[in-house]
Amino acid sequence: MSETDDACRADVWLWRARFFKTRSMACRFVEEGRIRLTRAGIESRIDKPSRALKGGDVLVFGLGGRVIAVRVLGAGERRGPASEAREMYEVVG
């Protein structure tokens, strides 16, 4: 995903990448402020599901007793199978 591509809402991206079973669960997780976003070296906390994610963004969040750090690679067209979802991000560190 290049910077000229369309961005994707945080809740939609988390749902499409299959971190959450439903979009409403992803939305609630984001609203609780449990995700940190690093873009261009600046770290901030996401608290609005409508926040746009772009390629190169790094997300850090706790889920299921683990800390997950991923780099956004693409927005995805749909919520597809797990193999398709894994192409949307890469694990960092």
N, C-alpha and C. Protein backbone atom coordinates (compact mmCIF):
# COMPACT_ATOMS: atom_id res chain seq x y z
N MET A 1 0.86 -1.17 0.00
CA MET A 1 0.00 0.00 0.00
C MET A 1 0.90 1.23 0.00
N SER A 2 0.76 2.05 -0.97
CA SER A 2 1.54 3.28 -1.00
C SER A 2 0.73 4.41 -0.38
N GLU A 3 1.37 5.54 -0.18
CA GLU A 3 0.68 6.65 0.46
C GLU A 3 -0.40 7.26 -0.42
N THR A 4 -0.40 6.92 -1.72
CA THR A 4 -1.44 7.45 -2.60
C THR A 4 -2.70 6.61 -2.53
N ASP A 5 -2.59 5.40 -1.98
CA ASP A 5 -3.77 4.55 -1.84
C ASP A 5 -4.70 5.11 -0.78
N ASP A 6 -5.95 4.67 -0.85
CA ASP A 6 -6.92 5.11 0.15
C ASP A 6 -6.58 4.55 1.52
N ALA A 7 -6.87 5.32 2.52
CA ALA A 7 -6.69 4.88 3.89
C ALA A 7 -7.92 4.07 4.30
N CYS A 8 -7.83 3.43 5.44
CA CYS A 8 -8.92 2.59 5.93
C CYS A 8 -9.17 2.93 7.39
N ARG A 9 -10.43 2.93 7.79
CA ARG A 9 -10.79 3.17 9.20
C ARG A 9 -10.12 2.12 10.08
N ALA A 10 -9.73 2.53 11.28
CA ALA A 10 -9.04 1.63 12.20
C ALA A 10 -9.89 0.41 12.55
N ASP A 11 -11.17 0.61 12.85
CA ASP A 11 -12.01 -0.53 13.22
C ASP A 11 -12.21 -1.49 12.05
N VAL A 12 -12.36 -0.95 10.85
CA VAL A 12 -12.54 -1.79 9.67
C VAL A 12 -11.26 -2.58 9.39
N TRP A 13 -10.11 -1.92 9.49
CA TRP A 13 -8.85 -2.60 9.23
C TRP A 13 -8.62 -3.74 10.22
N LEU A 14 -8.86 -3.50 11.51
CA LEU A 14 -8.67 -4.55 12.52
C LEU A 14 -9.60 -5.73 12.27
N TRP A 15 -10.81 -5.46 11.81
CA TRP A 15 -11.78 -6.52 11.51
C TRP A 15 -11.35 -7.28 10.26
N ARG A 16 -10.96 -6.56 9.20
CA ARG A 16 -10.52 -7.22 7.96
C ARG A 16 -9.26 -8.04 8.17
N ALA A 17 -8.37 -7.57 9.04
CA ALA A 17 -7.12 -8.28 9.32
C ALA A 17 -7.35 -9.45 10.28
N ARG A 18 -8.58 -9.64 10.70
CA ARG A 18 -9.03 -10.77 11.51
C ARG A 18 -8.45 -10.78 12.93
N PHE A 19 -8.21 -9.58 13.48
CA PHE A 19 -7.84 -9.49 14.88
C PHE A 19 -9.09 -9.56 15.76
N PHE A 20 -10.25 -9.21 15.19
CA PHE A 20 -11.52 -9.25 15.91
C PHE A 20 -12.57 -9.95 15.08
N LYS A 21 -13.47 -10.65 15.77
CA LYS A 21 -14.49 -11.42 15.10
C LYS A 21 -15.57 -10.54 14.48
N THR A 22 -15.88 -9.43 15.14
CA THR A 22 -16.90 -8.51 14.61
C THR A 22 -16.34 -7.10 14.56
N ARG A 23 -16.93 -6.30 13.70
CA ARG A 23 -16.50 -4.91 13.59
C ARG A 23 -16.86 -4.14 14.86
N SER A 24 -17.98 -4.47 15.48
CA SER A 24 -18.37 -3.76 16.70
C SER A 24 -17.39 -4.05 17.84
N MET A 25 -16.83 -5.25 17.90
CA MET A 25 -15.81 -5.56 18.91
C MET A 25 -14.56 -4.73 18.65
N ALA A 26 -14.17 -4.60 17.39
CA ALA A 26 -13.01 -3.79 17.03
C ALA A 26 -13.26 -2.33 17.37
N CYS A 27 -14.47 -1.86 17.11
CA CYS A 27 -14.85 -0.48 17.39
C CYS A 27 -14.75 -0.19 18.89
N ARG A 28 -15.28 -1.07 19.70
CA ARG A 28 -15.24 -0.90 21.15
C ARG A 28 -13.79 -0.90 21.66
N PHE A 29 -12.97 -1.79 21.13
CA PHE A 29 -11.56 -1.88 21.52
C PHE A 29 -10.83 -0.56 21.22
N VAL A 30 -11.09 0.01 20.05
CA VAL A 30 -10.46 1.28 19.67
C VAL A 30 -10.96 2.41 20.57
N GLU A 31 -12.26 2.45 20.83
CA GLU A 31 -12.84 3.51 21.67
C GLU A 31 -12.27 3.50 23.08
N GLU A 32 -11.86 2.34 23.56
CA GLU A 32 -11.26 2.23 24.90
C GLU A 32 -9.83 2.77 24.92
N GLY A 33 -9.30 3.15 23.77
CA GLY A 33 -7.96 3.73 23.70
C GLY A 33 -6.85 2.72 23.92
N ARG A 34 -7.06 1.50 23.48
CA ARG A 34 -6.11 0.43 23.75
C ARG A 34 -5.12 0.18 22.61
N ILE A 35 -5.08 1.09 21.63
CA ILE A 35 -4.18 0.92 20.49
C ILE A 35 -3.26 2.13 20.38
N ARG A 36 -1.97 1.88 20.21
CA ARG A 36 -1.00 2.94 19.96
C ARG A 36 -0.62 2.91 18.49
N LEU A 37 -0.58 4.06 17.88
CA LEU A 37 -0.24 4.21 16.47
C LEU A 37 1.06 4.99 16.35
N THR A 38 1.98 4.47 15.56
CA THR A 38 3.21 5.20 15.26
C THR A 38 3.22 5.48 13.76
N ARG A 39 3.25 6.78 13.43
CA ARG A 39 3.27 7.21 12.03
C ARG A 39 4.35 8.27 11.90
N ALA A 40 5.30 8.05 11.01
CA ALA A 40 6.40 8.99 10.77
C ALA A 40 7.15 9.32 12.05
N GLY A 41 7.33 8.30 12.91
CA GLY A 41 8.09 8.48 14.14
C GLY A 41 7.33 9.12 15.28
N ILE A 42 6.08 9.48 15.06
CA ILE A 42 5.27 10.11 16.11
C ILE A 42 4.27 9.08 16.64
N GLU A 43 4.31 8.85 17.95
CA GLU A 43 3.42 7.87 18.57
C GLU A 43 2.22 8.57 19.19
N SER A 44 1.04 8.00 18.95
CA SER A 44 -0.18 8.54 19.54
C SER A 44 -1.12 7.39 19.86
N ARG A 45 -2.09 7.67 20.69
CA ARG A 45 -3.09 6.68 21.06
C ARG A 45 -4.33 6.91 20.21
N ILE A 46 -4.87 5.84 19.65
CA ILE A 46 -6.09 5.94 18.84
C ILE A 46 -7.27 5.75 19.78
N ASP A 47 -8.25 6.67 19.73
CA ASP A 47 -9.45 6.51 20.54
C ASP A 47 -10.72 6.69 19.73
N LYS A 48 -10.57 6.85 18.41
CA LYS A 48 -11.73 6.98 17.53
C LYS A 48 -11.65 5.93 16.44
N PRO A 49 -12.70 5.12 16.28
CA PRO A 49 -12.69 4.07 15.26
C PRO A 49 -12.54 4.61 13.84
N SER A 50 -12.88 5.87 13.63
CA SER A 50 -12.81 6.45 12.29
C SER A 50 -11.41 6.91 11.92
N ARG A 51 -10.45 6.78 12.82
CA ARG A 51 -9.07 7.20 12.54
C ARG A 51 -8.54 6.40 11.35
N ALA A 52 -8.00 7.08 10.38
CA ALA A 52 -7.51 6.43 9.16
C ALA A 52 -6.14 5.80 9.39
N LEU A 53 -5.99 4.57 8.89
CA LEU A 53 -4.71 3.88 8.92
C LEU A 53 -4.17 3.84 7.50
N LYS A 54 -2.87 4.05 7.36
CA LYS A 54 -2.22 4.06 6.05
C LYS A 54 -1.07 3.06 6.06
N GLY A 55 -0.61 2.71 4.89
CA GLY A 55 0.54 1.82 4.77
C GLY A 55 1.75 2.39 5.48
N GLY A 56 2.45 1.55 6.22
CA GLY A 56 3.62 1.99 6.97
C GLY A 56 3.34 2.32 8.42
N ASP A 57 2.07 2.50 8.77
CA ASP A 57 1.71 2.75 10.17
C ASP A 57 2.04 1.52 11.01
N VAL A 58 2.47 1.74 12.24
CA VAL A 58 2.75 0.64 13.16
C VAL A 58 1.74 0.71 14.29
N LEU A 59 1.06 -0.40 14.54
CA LEU A 59 0.07 -0.49 15.62
C LEU A 59 0.62 -1.40 16.71
N VAL A 60 0.41 -1.01 17.96
CA VAL A 60 0.79 -1.84 19.11
C VAL A 60 -0.42 -1.91 20.03
N PHE A 61 -0.81 -3.14 20.37
CA PHE A 61 -1.96 -3.32 21.26
C PHE A 61 -1.86 -4.67 21.96
N GLY A 62 -2.52 -4.77 23.10
CA GLY A 62 -2.58 -6.01 23.84
C GLY A 62 -3.85 -6.75 23.50
N LEU A 63 -3.72 -8.05 23.26
CA LEU A 63 -4.88 -8.86 22.90
C LEU A 63 -4.63 -10.29 23.35
N GLY A 64 -5.54 -10.82 24.15
CA GLY A 64 -5.41 -12.19 24.60
C GLY A 64 -4.17 -12.45 25.44
N GLY A 65 -3.78 -11.48 26.25
CA GLY A 65 -2.61 -11.65 27.11
C GLY A 65 -1.28 -11.49 26.39
N ARG A 66 -1.31 -11.05 25.14
CA ARG A 66 -0.09 -10.84 24.37
C ARG A 66 -0.03 -9.40 23.89
N VAL A 67 1.18 -8.91 23.69
CA VAL A 67 1.36 -7.60 23.08
C VAL A 67 1.64 -7.84 21.60
N ILE A 68 0.84 -7.21 20.75
CA ILE A 68 0.95 -7.39 19.31
C ILE A 68 1.44 -6.09 18.69
N ALA A 69 2.48 -6.18 17.87
CA ALA A 69 3.00 -5.03 17.14
C ALA A 69 3.03 -5.40 15.66
N VAL A 70 2.28 -4.66 14.85
CA VAL A 70 2.20 -4.94 13.42
C VAL A 70 2.38 -3.67 12.60
N ARG A 71 2.90 -3.84 11.40
CA ARG A 71 3.02 -2.73 10.44
C ARG A 71 1.94 -2.94 9.38
N VAL A 72 1.16 -1.91 9.13
CA VAL A 72 0.09 -1.97 8.13
C VAL A 72 0.72 -1.99 6.74
N LEU A 73 0.35 -2.99 5.94
CA LEU A 73 0.85 -3.09 4.57
C LEU A 73 -0.22 -2.73 3.55
N GLY A 74 -1.48 -2.96 3.89
CA GLY A 74 -2.55 -2.67 2.95
C GLY A 74 -3.89 -2.59 3.66
N ALA A 75 -4.86 -2.00 2.97
CA ALA A 75 -6.19 -1.82 3.56
C ALA A 75 -7.08 -3.03 3.34
N GLY A 76 -6.82 -3.78 2.29
CA GLY A 76 -7.67 -4.92 1.98
C GLY A 76 -8.97 -4.47 1.35
N GLU A 77 -9.55 -5.34 0.57
CA GLU A 77 -10.81 -5.03 -0.11
C GLU A 77 -12.01 -5.55 0.68
N ARG A 78 -11.77 -6.61 1.45
CA ARG A 78 -12.87 -7.28 2.15
C ARG A 78 -12.30 -8.06 3.32
N ARG A 79 -13.19 -8.66 4.09
CA ARG A 79 -12.75 -9.57 5.16
C ARG A 79 -12.70 -10.96 4.54
N GLY A 80 -11.54 -11.34 4.10
CA GLY A 80 -11.37 -12.62 3.43
C GLY A 80 -10.84 -13.68 4.37
N PRO A 81 -10.33 -14.76 3.80
CA PRO A 81 -9.76 -15.83 4.62
C PRO A 81 -8.49 -15.37 5.34
N ALA A 82 -8.06 -16.15 6.31
CA ALA A 82 -6.89 -15.79 7.11
C ALA A 82 -5.65 -15.58 6.25
N SER A 83 -5.50 -16.36 5.20
CA SER A 83 -4.33 -16.21 4.33
C SER A 83 -4.32 -14.84 3.66
N GLU A 84 -5.48 -14.34 3.30
CA GLU A 84 -5.59 -13.01 2.70
C GLU A 84 -5.35 -11.92 3.75
N ALA A 85 -5.84 -12.14 4.96
CA ALA A 85 -5.69 -11.16 6.04
C ALA A 85 -4.22 -10.99 6.42
N ARG A 86 -3.44 -12.07 6.40
CA ARG A 86 -2.02 -11.99 6.77
C ARG A 86 -1.22 -11.14 5.80
N GLU A 87 -1.72 -10.92 4.60
CA GLU A 87 -1.04 -10.08 3.62
C GLU A 87 -1.24 -8.59 3.91
N MET A 88 -2.12 -8.26 4.85
CA MET A 88 -2.42 -6.86 5.18
C MET A 88 -1.44 -6.27 6.19
N TYR A 89 -0.63 -7.12 6.84
CA TYR A 89 0.27 -6.62 7.88
C TYR A 89 1.50 -7.52 7.99
N GLU A 90 2.51 -6.99 8.66
CA GLU A 90 3.68 -7.79 9.03
C GLU A 90 3.96 -7.56 10.50
N VAL A 91 4.38 -8.61 11.17
CA VAL A 91 4.69 -8.52 12.60
C VAL A 91 6.00 -7.77 12.77
N VAL A 92 6.01 -6.84 13.71
CA VAL A 92 7.20 -6.03 13.99
C VAL A 92 7.82 -6.53 15.29
N GLY A 93 9.13 -6.73 15.27
CA GLY A 93 9.87 -7.11 16.48
C GLY A 93 9.38 -8.36 17.03
